[in-house]
Protein backbone atom coordinates (compact mmCIF):
# COMPACT_ATOMS: atom_id res chain seq x y z
CA UNK A 1 146.80 -161.66 54.23
CA UNK A 2 144.35 -159.90 56.58
CA UNK A 3 146.02 -156.55 55.95
CA UNK A 4 146.49 -157.13 52.22
CA UNK A 5 142.83 -157.99 51.59
CA UNK A 6 141.43 -155.60 54.24
CA UNK A 7 139.65 -158.36 56.13
CA UNK A 8 137.71 -157.58 59.29
CA UNK A 9 140.06 -157.86 62.29
CA UNK A 10 137.30 -159.06 64.62
CA UNK A 11 136.13 -161.87 62.34
CA UNK A 12 139.67 -163.04 61.63
CA UNK A 13 140.49 -163.07 65.36
CA UNK A 14 137.34 -165.07 66.13
CA UNK A 15 137.95 -167.77 63.54
CA UNK A 16 141.64 -167.90 64.46
CA UNK A 17 140.66 -168.49 68.08
CA UNK A 18 138.16 -171.22 67.16
CA UNK A 19 140.79 -172.97 65.05
CA UNK A 20 143.37 -172.73 67.82
CA UNK A 21 141.00 -174.09 70.48
CA UNK A 22 139.88 -176.97 68.24
CA UNK A 23 143.44 -177.99 67.40
CA UNK A 24 144.63 -177.92 71.02
CA UNK A 25 141.52 -179.74 72.26
CA UNK A 26 142.27 -182.59 69.86
CA UNK A 27 145.90 -182.69 71.06
CA UNK A 28 144.68 -182.92 74.68
CA UNK A 29 143.01 -186.20 73.79
CA UNK A 30 145.92 -187.53 71.75
CA UNK A 31 148.82 -186.58 74.06
CA UNK A 32 147.37 -185.61 77.47
CA UNK A 33 149.58 -184.44 80.31
CA UNK A 34 147.09 -185.53 83.00
CA UNK A 35 144.13 -187.66 81.95
CA UNK A 36 142.16 -186.67 85.05
CA UNK A 37 142.43 -183.03 83.95
CA UNK A 38 140.05 -183.65 81.05
CA UNK A 39 136.80 -181.71 81.63
CA UNK A 40 133.81 -183.90 82.48
CA UNK A 41 130.40 -183.25 80.93
CA UNK A 42 129.32 -180.84 83.65
CA UNK A 43 132.57 -178.88 83.47
CA UNK A 44 132.27 -178.55 79.70
CA UNK A 45 128.88 -176.96 80.26
CA UNK A 46 130.09 -174.43 82.81
CA UNK A 47 133.24 -173.65 80.85
CA UNK A 48 131.04 -173.01 77.82
CA UNK A 49 128.89 -170.58 79.81
CA UNK A 50 131.96 -168.64 80.95
CA UNK A 51 133.38 -168.62 77.43
CA UNK A 52 130.18 -167.20 75.93
CA UNK A 53 129.61 -164.64 78.67
CA UNK A 54 133.20 -163.47 78.48
CA UNK A 55 133.14 -163.25 74.68
CA UNK A 56 129.86 -161.32 74.54
CA UNK A 57 130.56 -158.93 77.42
CA UNK A 58 134.18 -158.44 76.40
CA UNK A 59 133.21 -157.74 72.80
CA UNK A 60 130.62 -155.15 73.80
CA UNK A 61 132.79 -153.43 76.37
CA UNK A 62 135.83 -153.46 74.08
CA UNK A 63 134.05 -151.29 71.50
CA UNK A 64 135.10 -147.99 73.13
CA UNK A 65 138.60 -149.37 73.72
CA UNK A 66 138.92 -150.32 70.07
CA UNK A 67 137.63 -146.88 69.09
CA UNK A 68 140.45 -145.31 71.10
CA UNK A 69 142.97 -147.73 69.61
CA UNK A 70 141.68 -146.91 66.14
CA UNK A 71 142.06 -143.20 66.81
CA UNK A 72 145.51 -143.41 68.37
CA UNK A 73 147.20 -146.24 66.52
CA UNK A 74 148.88 -145.33 63.27
CA UNK A 75 147.11 -146.67 60.13
CA UNK A 76 150.47 -147.63 58.58
CA UNK A 77 153.73 -148.56 60.30
CA UNK A 78 156.51 -145.98 60.59
CA UNK A 79 159.06 -148.78 60.46
CA UNK A 80 158.94 -152.09 58.51
CA UNK A 81 156.40 -154.58 59.88
CA UNK A 82 159.15 -157.18 60.39
CA UNK A 83 160.69 -154.82 62.94
CA UNK A 84 157.51 -153.29 64.34
CA UNK A 85 155.69 -156.53 65.24
CA UNK A 86 158.51 -157.93 67.44
CA UNK A 87 158.83 -154.56 69.16
CA UNK A 88 155.09 -154.41 69.78
CA UNK A 89 155.12 -157.98 71.06
CA UNK A 90 157.94 -157.21 73.47
CA UNK A 91 156.25 -154.15 74.95
CA UNK A 92 152.77 -155.68 74.87
CA UNK A 93 154.11 -158.71 76.70
CA UNK A 94 155.61 -156.47 79.38
CA UNK A 95 152.28 -154.68 79.88
CA UNK A 96 150.49 -158.03 80.10
CA UNK A 97 153.03 -159.35 82.61
CA UNK A 98 152.70 -156.33 84.87
CA UNK A 99 148.89 -156.29 84.94
CA UNK A 100 148.82 -160.07 85.52
CA UNK A 101 151.28 -159.86 88.39
CA UNK A 102 149.30 -156.98 89.87
CA UNK A 103 146.24 -159.23 89.72
CA UNK A 104 148.04 -161.56 92.13
CA UNK A 105 149.44 -158.94 94.50
CA UNK A 106 146.68 -156.33 94.74
CA UNK A 107 143.98 -157.60 97.15
CA UNK A 108 140.99 -156.26 95.18
CA UNK A 109 142.33 -157.19 91.74
CA UNK A 110 142.97 -160.69 93.08
CA UNK A 111 139.26 -160.94 93.82
CA UNK A 112 138.78 -160.51 90.05
CA UNK A 113 141.66 -162.61 88.79
CA UNK A 114 141.34 -165.38 91.37
CA UNK A 115 138.21 -166.61 89.55
CA UNK A 116 140.56 -168.02 86.91
CA UNK A 117 142.39 -170.09 89.54
CA UNK A 118 139.33 -171.83 90.99
CA UNK A 119 139.42 -174.97 88.74
CA UNK A 120 141.66 -177.73 90.07
CA UNK A 121 142.68 -178.60 86.53
CA UNK A 122 144.53 -176.74 83.79
CA UNK A 123 143.21 -177.27 80.26
CA UNK A 124 142.19 -175.42 77.12
CA UNK A 125 138.53 -175.28 78.14
CA UNK A 126 139.00 -173.56 81.48
CA UNK A 127 141.25 -170.89 79.98
CA UNK A 128 137.92 -169.09 79.47
CA UNK A 129 136.99 -169.20 83.16
CA UNK A 130 137.55 -165.54 84.00
CA UNK A 131 135.80 -162.62 85.58
CA UNK A 132 134.61 -160.31 82.80
CA UNK A 133 136.28 -157.24 84.32
CA UNK A 134 139.58 -159.08 84.68
CA UNK A 135 139.56 -159.82 80.94
CA UNK A 136 138.65 -156.25 80.08
CA UNK A 137 141.40 -154.85 82.27
CA UNK A 138 144.10 -157.07 80.78
CA UNK A 139 143.02 -156.48 77.18
CA UNK A 140 142.64 -152.75 77.63
CA UNK A 141 146.04 -152.27 79.24
CA UNK A 142 147.86 -154.13 76.44
CA UNK A 143 145.96 -152.57 73.53
CA UNK A 144 146.01 -149.01 74.84
CA UNK A 145 149.69 -149.27 75.75
CA UNK A 146 150.59 -150.25 72.20
CA UNK A 147 148.36 -147.57 70.69
CA UNK A 148 149.71 -144.81 72.94
CA UNK A 149 153.29 -145.73 72.10
CA UNK A 150 152.40 -145.36 68.42
CA UNK A 151 152.31 -148.86 66.97
CA UNK A 152 150.16 -149.32 63.87
CA UNK A 153 146.80 -151.10 63.84
CA UNK A 154 148.37 -153.93 61.86
CA UNK A 155 151.02 -154.64 64.47
CA UNK A 156 148.48 -154.42 67.31
CA UNK A 157 146.34 -156.96 65.43
CA UNK A 158 149.30 -159.29 64.79
CA UNK A 159 150.34 -159.20 68.44
CA UNK A 160 146.73 -159.91 69.43
CA UNK A 161 146.70 -163.11 67.36
CA UNK A 162 149.92 -164.29 68.99
CA UNK A 163 148.53 -163.57 72.46
CA UNK A 164 145.36 -165.54 71.66
CA UNK A 165 147.34 -168.55 70.49
CA UNK A 166 149.74 -168.43 73.44
CA UNK A 167 146.95 -167.95 75.97
CA UNK A 168 145.31 -171.21 74.94
CA UNK A 169 148.58 -173.03 74.34
CA UNK A 170 149.97 -172.45 77.84
CA UNK A 171 146.72 -173.81 79.33
CA UNK A 172 146.69 -176.90 77.12
CA UNK A 173 146.67 -180.22 78.96
CA UNK A 174 149.18 -181.70 76.54
CA UNK A 175 152.39 -183.58 77.23
CA UNK A 176 154.74 -181.35 75.28
CA UNK A 177 158.19 -180.00 76.16
CA UNK A 178 159.89 -177.13 74.39
CA UNK A 179 163.30 -177.47 76.05
CA UNK A 180 165.57 -174.41 75.94
CA UNK A 181 162.77 -172.38 74.31
CA UNK A 182 161.24 -172.18 77.80
CA UNK A 183 163.78 -169.44 78.44
CA UNK A 184 162.21 -167.34 75.67
CA UNK A 185 158.54 -168.34 75.39
CA UNK A 186 155.92 -169.27 77.97
CA UNK A 187 154.74 -172.87 77.79
CA UNK A 188 152.30 -175.33 79.40
CA UNK A 189 155.23 -176.59 81.49
CA UNK A 190 155.57 -173.15 83.08
CA UNK A 191 151.91 -172.21 83.33
CA UNK A 192 150.97 -175.32 85.28
CA UNK A 193 153.39 -174.08 87.91
CA UNK A 194 151.69 -170.68 87.82
CA UNK A 195 148.45 -172.43 88.83
CA UNK A 196 150.17 -174.28 91.68
CA UNK A 197 148.96 -173.82 95.23
CA UNK A 198 152.61 -173.79 96.34
CA UNK A 199 153.73 -170.14 96.37
CA UNK A 200 157.40 -171.07 96.00
CA UNK A 201 156.76 -172.41 92.48
CA UNK A 202 153.71 -170.35 91.45
CA UNK A 203 155.49 -167.68 89.41
CA UNK A 204 155.35 -167.36 85.62
CA UNK A 205 153.00 -164.41 85.19
CA UNK A 206 153.79 -164.14 81.49
CA UNK A 207 151.63 -166.09 79.06
CA UNK A 208 153.66 -165.28 75.95
CA UNK A 209 157.33 -164.34 76.53
CA UNK A 210 159.11 -165.76 79.58
CA UNK A 211 161.90 -163.16 79.56
CA UNK A 212 159.98 -160.91 81.95
CA UNK A 213 159.74 -163.72 84.50
CA UNK A 214 163.51 -164.03 84.23
CA UNK A 215 164.04 -160.30 84.67
CA UNK A 216 161.63 -159.88 87.59
CA UNK A 217 162.47 -163.05 89.52
CA UNK A 218 159.28 -165.05 88.92
CA UNK A 219 160.81 -167.80 86.75
CA UNK A 220 160.61 -171.11 88.65
CA UNK A 221 160.59 -173.74 85.87
CA UNK A 222 163.23 -176.41 85.57
CA UNK A 223 163.17 -179.58 83.41
CA UNK A 224 160.82 -182.16 84.87
CA UNK A 225 159.31 -179.90 87.54
CA UNK A 226 155.63 -180.62 88.14
CA UNK A 227 153.15 -178.60 90.25
CA UNK A 228 152.32 -180.05 93.65
CA UNK A 229 148.63 -179.23 93.17
CA UNK A 230 146.76 -176.69 91.07
CA UNK A 231 143.87 -174.47 92.11
CA UNK A 232 143.29 -172.23 95.12
CA UNK A 233 145.26 -172.62 98.31
CA UNK A 234 141.99 -171.89 100.10
CA UNK A 235 139.16 -173.21 97.88
CA UNK A 236 136.51 -171.72 100.18
CA UNK A 237 137.74 -168.18 99.46
CA UNK A 238 135.96 -168.13 96.07
CA UNK A 239 132.62 -169.48 94.82
CA UNK A 240 132.69 -172.73 92.85
CA UNK A 241 133.02 -172.36 89.10
CA UNK A 242 129.42 -173.50 88.60
CA UNK A 243 128.10 -170.63 90.74
CA UNK A 244 128.28 -168.11 87.90
CA UNK A 245 126.22 -165.30 89.47
CA UNK A 246 128.05 -165.56 92.81
CA UNK A 247 131.36 -165.56 90.96
CA UNK A 248 130.66 -162.32 89.14
CA UNK A 249 129.39 -160.65 92.35
CA UNK A 250 132.30 -161.95 94.44
CA UNK A 251 134.68 -158.94 94.05
CA UNK A 252 132.10 -156.60 95.59
CA UNK A 253 131.34 -158.76 98.61
CA UNK A 254 133.15 -158.22 101.88
CA UNK A 255 136.03 -160.65 102.29
CA UNK A 256 135.94 -162.80 105.40
CA UNK A 257 139.01 -162.26 107.64
CA UNK A 258 139.36 -166.03 107.85
CA UNK A 259 139.48 -166.28 104.05
CA UNK A 260 142.38 -163.96 103.23
CA UNK A 261 144.51 -166.00 100.85
CA UNK A 262 144.02 -167.42 97.39
CA UNK A 263 146.05 -169.15 94.70
CA UNK A 264 149.61 -169.74 95.84
CA UNK A 265 148.85 -167.82 99.02
CA UNK A 266 148.21 -164.57 97.18
CA UNK A 267 146.03 -161.97 98.89
CA UNK A 268 142.31 -162.25 98.25
């Protein structure tokens, strides 16, 4: 419908995201996975600050990226959309997986991405707890990869909507199981393990398709498996979520030799 009526991609994405967050937030109250993972009043406030800062800064900084995408991406698909969108999703998911995994294995990139692992809960609200530059890096890599390969603007937009929905879904604190579909799609069951402080189970770098975790040996889910604990292995290695200014300055501060590990024992 967006393509047929030439609706603004940015506005559609925003309202789609709001609808997705609202729906999943309601489900968290109706069928929670862990009741003590619900945000308290103070956490709602800080999560809201991160959400707004990330949205504003990301939107402004994404303007040149979108200009490049608009210049490189084809205005109309060269193949039928029913074939192009799955192809774009597959390749976009691979790009997302690789940059996410790099965020856990590269010491400096971990100092950006580790901000997301500070909360000791996993829920829809703290999906927005990110360092601005980490968000920009991930979005830019996926969008530019699709544009450079030659996918149309419509397919890039469609894949973006799916990624938005999946990003919030996998963080949802809801007691839902998708069974055998876990071997195809990422799910809350898998992503809770990704946030585990136990490195042996903290795989699952994909937030949309789980096939890359299978292919690259980071798939650790099995029916009924629960994370030992979520958050940072060394909580003192990052500022608290409420320390917003310190959090955004953290990547440029010298790391203490005694504080060298982060979530799941990853380098910080």
